[in-house]
Amino acid sequence: MNRFRSDSDPADFLPLTPVAFEILLSLAEGEQHGYSIMRAVEERTGGGMEVHAGTLYRALNRLLSQGLLVELEERPAPELDDERRRYYRMTPLGAQVLRAEARRLERQVVAARARRLLPSRGGRS
């Protein structure tokens, strides 16, 4: 059951776990099923983050209970799909939380650059 309201403050959900952030980032491109989310994360991170099925579905269930995702009831045509697949879509609240987390992470990168831990935007440190 969703214990958060659609008018919840996105900051209440921060910080997101890396897996939750990657799931929401994948769903920013549109609805997907679990396996396609796993593939998208691995591809986007160049294999740097591999999300296993158990981790993925625990995170999906948490995001569903928080109201950041919904599971879709409508499905592609049966001949184009496997009936075992579950499809997910990010909610408007999920999109707000994703943007808030991206801004939070951006502030951390700015702080790391200010301390010369990362190169400046021009590529020189």
N, C-alpha and C. Protein backbone atom coordinates (compact mmCIF):
# COMPACT_ATOMS: atom_id res chain seq x y z
N MET A 1 0.85 -1.19 0.00
CA MET A 1 0.00 0.00 0.00
C MET A 1 0.89 1.24 0.00
N ASN A 2 0.48 2.22 -0.75
CA ASN A 2 1.22 3.47 -0.86
C ASN A 2 0.98 4.30 0.39
N ARG A 3 2.04 4.51 1.16
CA ARG A 3 1.90 5.29 2.40
C ARG A 3 2.26 6.75 2.20
N PHE A 4 2.64 7.13 0.98
CA PHE A 4 2.97 8.51 0.67
C PHE A 4 1.90 9.09 -0.24
N ARG A 5 1.63 10.36 -0.08
CA ARG A 5 0.65 11.04 -0.91
C ARG A 5 1.35 11.68 -2.09
N SER A 6 0.58 11.96 -3.13
CA SER A 6 1.15 12.57 -4.33
C SER A 6 1.70 13.96 -4.05
N ASP A 7 1.27 14.60 -2.94
CA ASP A 7 1.79 15.92 -2.61
C ASP A 7 2.94 15.82 -1.59
N SER A 8 3.50 14.62 -1.44
CA SER A 8 4.65 14.44 -0.55
C SER A 8 5.82 15.27 -1.03
N ASP A 9 6.66 15.67 -0.09
CA ASP A 9 7.86 16.43 -0.42
C ASP A 9 8.91 15.47 -0.96
N PRO A 10 9.39 15.67 -2.19
CA PRO A 10 10.41 14.77 -2.76
C PRO A 10 11.64 14.62 -1.86
N ALA A 11 11.98 15.65 -1.10
CA ALA A 11 13.15 15.58 -0.22
C ALA A 11 12.99 14.50 0.85
N ASP A 12 11.75 14.14 1.18
CA ASP A 12 11.51 13.11 2.19
C ASP A 12 12.03 11.74 1.74
N PHE A 13 12.28 11.56 0.45
CA PHE A 13 12.71 10.27 -0.10
C PHE A 13 14.23 10.18 -0.28
N LEU A 14 14.92 11.28 -0.02
CA LEU A 14 16.35 11.35 -0.30
C LEU A 14 17.16 11.01 0.93
N PRO A 15 18.36 10.49 0.74
CA PRO A 15 18.95 10.12 -0.54
C PRO A 15 18.40 8.78 -1.02
N LEU A 16 18.36 8.60 -2.33
CA LEU A 16 17.98 7.32 -2.91
C LEU A 16 19.18 6.38 -2.87
N THR A 17 18.90 5.10 -2.83
CA THR A 17 19.99 4.14 -2.99
C THR A 17 20.44 4.19 -4.45
N PRO A 18 21.67 3.79 -4.73
CA PRO A 18 22.11 3.75 -6.12
C PRO A 18 21.19 2.91 -7.01
N VAL A 19 20.70 1.79 -6.50
CA VAL A 19 19.81 0.93 -7.30
C VAL A 19 18.49 1.65 -7.58
N ALA A 20 17.91 2.29 -6.57
CA ALA A 20 16.65 3.00 -6.77
C ALA A 20 16.84 4.13 -7.78
N PHE A 21 17.94 4.87 -7.68
CA PHE A 21 18.22 5.95 -8.62
C PHE A 21 18.31 5.39 -10.04
N GLU A 22 19.02 4.30 -10.22
CA GLU A 22 19.18 3.71 -11.56
C GLU A 22 17.86 3.18 -12.11
N ILE A 23 17.02 2.61 -11.25
CA ILE A 23 15.70 2.14 -11.70
C ILE A 23 14.87 3.32 -12.19
N LEU A 24 14.81 4.38 -11.39
CA LEU A 24 14.03 5.56 -11.79
C LEU A 24 14.61 6.18 -13.05
N LEU A 25 15.93 6.22 -13.15
CA LEU A 25 16.57 6.76 -14.35
C LEU A 25 16.18 5.95 -15.58
N SER A 26 16.12 4.64 -15.44
CA SER A 26 15.69 3.78 -16.56
C SER A 26 14.25 4.06 -16.94
N LEU A 27 13.40 4.24 -15.95
CA LEU A 27 11.98 4.46 -16.23
C LEU A 27 11.69 5.88 -16.71
N ALA A 28 12.67 6.78 -16.60
CA ALA A 28 12.49 8.13 -17.15
C ALA A 28 12.36 8.07 -18.67
N GLU A 29 12.85 6.99 -19.26
CA GLU A 29 12.76 6.80 -20.71
C GLU A 29 11.43 6.19 -21.12
N GLY A 30 10.61 5.77 -20.16
CA GLY A 30 9.31 5.17 -20.47
C GLY A 30 9.14 3.86 -19.73
N GLU A 31 7.95 3.31 -19.83
CA GLU A 31 7.64 2.09 -19.09
C GLU A 31 8.52 0.93 -19.58
N GLN A 32 8.84 0.05 -18.64
CA GLN A 32 9.69 -1.09 -18.94
C GLN A 32 9.35 -2.25 -18.01
N HIS A 33 9.75 -3.44 -18.41
CA HIS A 33 9.63 -4.60 -17.53
C HIS A 33 10.96 -4.79 -16.80
N GLY A 34 10.94 -5.61 -15.77
CA GLY A 34 12.09 -5.76 -14.89
C GLY A 34 13.38 -6.12 -15.61
N TYR A 35 13.33 -7.10 -16.50
CA TYR A 35 14.56 -7.52 -17.18
C TYR A 35 15.14 -6.39 -18.03
N SER A 36 14.28 -5.62 -18.67
CA SER A 36 14.79 -4.50 -19.48
C SER A 36 15.40 -3.42 -18.60
N ILE A 37 14.90 -3.25 -17.39
CA ILE A 37 15.50 -2.30 -16.44
C ILE A 37 16.91 -2.78 -16.08
N MET A 38 17.05 -4.07 -15.79
CA MET A 38 18.37 -4.62 -15.44
C MET A 38 19.36 -4.39 -16.58
N ARG A 39 18.93 -4.66 -17.81
CA ARG A 39 19.81 -4.47 -18.97
C ARG A 39 20.16 -3.00 -19.15
N ALA A 40 19.20 -2.11 -18.98
CA ALA A 40 19.44 -0.67 -19.16
C ALA A 40 20.46 -0.16 -18.14
N VAL A 41 20.35 -0.61 -16.90
CA VAL A 41 21.31 -0.19 -15.87
C VAL A 41 22.71 -0.67 -16.22
N GLU A 42 22.82 -1.93 -16.59
CA GLU A 42 24.13 -2.47 -16.92
C GLU A 42 24.74 -1.74 -18.12
N GLU A 43 23.91 -1.46 -19.12
CA GLU A 43 24.40 -0.76 -20.32
C GLU A 43 24.81 0.67 -19.99
N ARG A 44 23.96 1.39 -19.24
CA ARG A 44 24.24 2.80 -18.91
C ARG A 44 25.50 2.95 -18.07
N THR A 45 25.75 1.96 -17.19
CA THR A 45 26.90 2.05 -16.30
C THR A 45 28.12 1.34 -16.88
N GLY A 46 28.03 0.90 -18.11
CA GLY A 46 29.15 0.20 -18.73
C GLY A 46 29.54 -1.06 -17.97
N GLY A 47 28.56 -1.70 -17.36
CA GLY A 47 28.82 -2.90 -16.57
C GLY A 47 29.30 -2.61 -15.16
N GLY A 48 29.41 -1.34 -14.82
CA GLY A 48 29.88 -0.96 -13.49
C GLY A 48 28.88 -1.29 -12.39
N MET A 49 27.60 -1.40 -12.74
CA MET A 49 26.59 -1.79 -11.77
C MET A 49 25.76 -2.89 -12.40
N GLU A 50 25.80 -4.03 -11.79
CA GLU A 50 25.00 -5.16 -12.24
C GLU A 50 23.93 -5.39 -11.19
N VAL A 51 22.68 -5.27 -11.57
CA VAL A 51 21.57 -5.44 -10.65
C VAL A 51 21.00 -6.84 -10.83
N HIS A 52 21.07 -7.64 -9.77
CA HIS A 52 20.54 -9.00 -9.83
C HIS A 52 19.04 -8.98 -9.56
N ALA A 53 18.37 -10.03 -9.99
CA ALA A 53 16.91 -10.09 -9.93
C ALA A 53 16.37 -9.84 -8.52
N GLY A 54 16.94 -10.48 -7.51
CA GLY A 54 16.43 -10.30 -6.14
C GLY A 54 16.54 -8.85 -5.68
N THR A 55 17.68 -8.24 -5.96
CA THR A 55 17.89 -6.83 -5.60
C THR A 55 16.92 -5.94 -6.35
N LEU A 56 16.76 -6.21 -7.64
CA LEU A 56 15.85 -5.41 -8.47
C LEU A 56 14.43 -5.46 -7.93
N TYR A 57 13.92 -6.66 -7.68
CA TYR A 57 12.52 -6.77 -7.29
C TYR A 57 12.26 -6.27 -5.87
N ARG A 58 13.25 -6.38 -4.98
CA ARG A 58 13.08 -5.76 -3.65
C ARG A 58 13.00 -4.24 -3.80
N ALA A 59 13.87 -3.67 -4.63
CA ALA A 59 13.86 -2.21 -4.85
C ALA A 59 12.57 -1.78 -5.55
N LEU A 60 12.13 -2.54 -6.54
CA LEU A 60 10.87 -2.21 -7.23
C LEU A 60 9.71 -2.22 -6.24
N ASN A 61 9.65 -3.22 -5.37
CA ASN A 61 8.56 -3.29 -4.39
C ASN A 61 8.60 -2.10 -3.44
N ARG A 62 9.80 -1.69 -3.03
CA ARG A 62 9.92 -0.53 -2.15
C ARG A 62 9.45 0.73 -2.88
N LEU A 63 9.86 0.91 -4.14
CA LEU A 63 9.46 2.08 -4.92
C LEU A 63 7.95 2.08 -5.17
N LEU A 64 7.38 0.91 -5.38
CA LEU A 64 5.92 0.80 -5.53
C LEU A 64 5.21 1.22 -4.25
N SER A 65 5.69 0.73 -3.11
CA SER A 65 5.04 1.04 -1.83
C SER A 65 5.17 2.52 -1.48
N GLN A 66 6.22 3.17 -1.99
CA GLN A 66 6.41 4.60 -1.74
C GLN A 66 5.61 5.47 -2.72
N GLY A 67 5.01 4.86 -3.72
CA GLY A 67 4.23 5.62 -4.69
C GLY A 67 5.08 6.26 -5.77
N LEU A 68 6.33 5.80 -5.94
CA LEU A 68 7.21 6.37 -6.96
C LEU A 68 7.06 5.65 -8.29
N LEU A 69 6.48 4.45 -8.25
CA LEU A 69 6.22 3.64 -9.44
C LEU A 69 4.81 3.08 -9.35
N VAL A 70 4.30 2.68 -10.50
CA VAL A 70 3.09 1.87 -10.55
C VAL A 70 3.37 0.67 -11.44
N GLU A 71 2.73 -0.44 -11.10
CA GLU A 71 2.79 -1.61 -11.97
C GLU A 71 1.63 -1.50 -12.94
N LEU A 72 1.91 -1.72 -14.20
CA LEU A 72 0.89 -1.57 -15.23
C LEU A 72 0.07 -2.84 -15.37
N GLU A 73 -1.21 -2.64 -15.59
CA GLU A 73 -2.09 -3.78 -15.84
C GLU A 73 -2.18 -4.07 -17.33
N GLU A 74 -2.14 -3.03 -18.16
CA GLU A 74 -2.19 -3.25 -19.60
C GLU A 74 -0.87 -3.82 -20.07
N ARG A 75 -0.93 -4.69 -21.04
CA ARG A 75 0.24 -5.39 -21.52
C ARG A 75 0.29 -5.35 -23.04
N PRO A 76 1.50 -5.56 -23.59
CA PRO A 76 1.59 -5.66 -25.05
C PRO A 76 0.79 -6.87 -25.54
N ALA A 77 0.61 -6.96 -26.83
CA ALA A 77 -0.08 -8.11 -27.41
C ALA A 77 0.63 -9.40 -26.98
N PRO A 78 -0.12 -10.45 -26.64
CA PRO A 78 0.49 -11.68 -26.12
C PRO A 78 1.59 -12.26 -27.02
N GLU A 79 1.45 -12.12 -28.31
CA GLU A 79 2.47 -12.67 -29.21
C GLU A 79 3.77 -11.87 -29.18
N LEU A 80 3.72 -10.66 -28.60
CA LEU A 80 4.91 -9.81 -28.50
C LEU A 80 5.52 -9.82 -27.10
N ASP A 81 4.93 -10.59 -26.20
CA ASP A 81 5.34 -10.48 -24.81
C ASP A 81 5.32 -11.84 -24.12
N ASP A 82 6.02 -11.89 -23.00
CA ASP A 82 6.01 -13.05 -22.12
C ASP A 82 5.06 -12.70 -20.98
N GLU A 83 4.07 -13.54 -20.74
CA GLU A 83 3.04 -13.22 -19.74
C GLU A 83 3.58 -13.08 -18.32
N ARG A 84 4.80 -13.57 -18.07
CA ARG A 84 5.38 -13.46 -16.73
C ARG A 84 5.95 -12.07 -16.46
N ARG A 85 6.17 -11.30 -17.49
CA ARG A 85 6.77 -9.97 -17.31
C ARG A 85 5.81 -9.03 -16.60
N ARG A 86 6.40 -8.22 -15.73
CA ARG A 86 5.65 -7.17 -15.04
C ARG A 86 6.21 -5.84 -15.51
N TYR A 87 5.33 -4.95 -15.91
CA TYR A 87 5.74 -3.66 -16.45
C TYR A 87 5.52 -2.56 -15.42
N TYR A 88 6.43 -1.57 -15.44
CA TYR A 88 6.41 -0.49 -14.46
C TYR A 88 6.48 0.85 -15.15
N ARG A 89 5.89 1.86 -14.51
CA ARG A 89 5.94 3.24 -14.98
C ARG A 89 6.21 4.12 -13.76
N MET A 90 7.01 5.14 -13.98
CA MET A 90 7.29 6.10 -12.92
C MET A 90 6.07 7.01 -12.75
N THR A 91 5.74 7.34 -11.52
CA THR A 91 4.65 8.26 -11.23
C THR A 91 5.18 9.70 -11.29
N PRO A 92 4.28 10.69 -11.33
CA PRO A 92 4.74 12.08 -11.26
C PRO A 92 5.59 12.34 -10.00
N LEU A 93 5.22 11.74 -8.87
CA LEU A 93 6.02 11.90 -7.66
C LEU A 93 7.39 11.26 -7.86
N GLY A 94 7.45 10.11 -8.51
CA GLY A 94 8.72 9.47 -8.81
C GLY A 94 9.62 10.36 -9.64
N ALA A 95 9.03 11.05 -10.62
CA ALA A 95 9.81 11.97 -11.46
C ALA A 95 10.34 13.14 -10.64
N GLN A 96 9.54 13.65 -9.71
CA GLN A 96 9.99 14.74 -8.85
C GLN A 96 11.14 14.29 -7.96
N VAL A 97 11.03 13.08 -7.42
CA VAL A 97 12.08 12.54 -6.55
C VAL A 97 13.36 12.30 -7.36
N LEU A 98 13.23 11.79 -8.58
CA LEU A 98 14.39 11.58 -9.43
C LEU A 98 15.10 12.89 -9.72
N ARG A 99 14.36 13.94 -10.05
CA ARG A 99 14.97 15.25 -10.29
C ARG A 99 15.64 15.78 -9.03
N ALA A 100 14.99 15.63 -7.88
CA ALA A 100 15.57 16.10 -6.61
C ALA A 100 16.87 15.36 -6.30
N GLU A 101 16.90 14.07 -6.56
CA GLU A 101 18.12 13.30 -6.30
C GLU A 101 19.21 13.70 -7.28
N ALA A 102 18.87 13.93 -8.53
CA ALA A 102 19.87 14.36 -9.52
C ALA A 102 20.47 15.71 -9.11
N ARG A 103 19.65 16.62 -8.61
CA ARG A 103 20.16 17.91 -8.13
C ARG A 103 21.06 17.72 -6.91
N ARG A 104 20.67 16.82 -6.02
CA ARG A 104 21.49 16.54 -4.83
C ARG A 104 22.85 15.99 -5.24
N LEU A 105 22.86 15.06 -6.17
CA LEU A 105 24.11 14.49 -6.64
C LEU A 105 24.96 15.53 -7.37
N GLU A 106 24.30 16.40 -8.11
CA GLU A 106 25.03 17.47 -8.81
C GLU A 106 25.75 18.38 -7.80
N ARG A 107 25.07 18.70 -6.69
CA ARG A 107 25.71 19.53 -5.66
C ARG A 107 26.94 18.82 -5.07
N GLN A 108 26.87 17.51 -4.94
CA GLN A 108 28.02 16.76 -4.43
C GLN A 108 29.18 16.81 -5.42
N VAL A 109 28.88 16.71 -6.71
CA VAL A 109 29.94 16.80 -7.72
C VAL A 109 30.56 18.19 -7.71
N VAL A 110 29.75 19.22 -7.57
CA VAL A 110 30.27 20.59 -7.51
C VAL A 110 31.21 20.72 -6.31
N ALA A 111 30.82 20.16 -5.17
CA ALA A 111 31.67 20.22 -3.97
C ALA A 111 32.97 19.45 -4.19
N ALA A 112 32.91 18.32 -4.86
CA ALA A 112 34.13 17.54 -5.14
C ALA A 112 35.05 18.31 -6.09
N ARG A 113 34.47 19.00 -7.07
CA ARG A 113 35.29 19.80 -7.98
C ARG A 113 35.94 20.97 -7.23
N ALA A 114 35.21 21.58 -6.32
CA ALA A 114 35.75 22.70 -5.56
C ALA A 114 36.93 22.26 -4.70
N ARG A 115 36.94 21.00 -4.34
CA ARG A 115 38.04 20.46 -3.54
C ARG A 115 39.08 19.76 -4.41
N ARG A 116 38.97 19.98 -5.71
CA ARG A 116 39.90 19.43 -6.72
C ARG A 116 40.00 17.91 -6.69
N LEU A 117 38.90 17.28 -6.33
CA LEU A 117 38.84 15.82 -6.37
C LEU A 117 38.44 15.33 -7.76
N LEU A 118 37.82 16.21 -8.51
CA LEU A 118 37.42 15.93 -9.89
C LEU A 118 37.90 17.09 -10.76
N PRO A 119 38.12 16.83 -12.05
CA PRO A 119 38.51 17.92 -12.92
C PRO A 119 37.38 18.94 -13.04
N SER A 120 37.75 20.19 -13.32
CA SER A 120 36.73 21.21 -13.54
C SER A 120 35.99 20.90 -14.83
N ARG A 121 34.93 21.61 -15.06
CA ARG A 121 34.11 21.36 -16.26
C ARG A 121 34.93 21.48 -17.54
N GLY A 122 35.96 22.30 -17.55
CA GLY A 122 36.80 22.46 -18.73
C GLY A 122 37.74 21.28 -18.94
N GLY A 123 37.77 20.35 -18.00
CA GLY A 123 38.59 19.16 -18.14
C GLY A 123 39.94 19.25 -17.47
N ARG A 124 40.28 20.42 -16.94
CA ARG A 124 41.57 20.57 -16.25
C ARG A 124 41.35 20.57 -14.75
N SER A 125 42.28 19.99 -14.03
CA SER A 125 42.13 20.00 -12.57
C SER A 125 43.11 20.96 -11.93
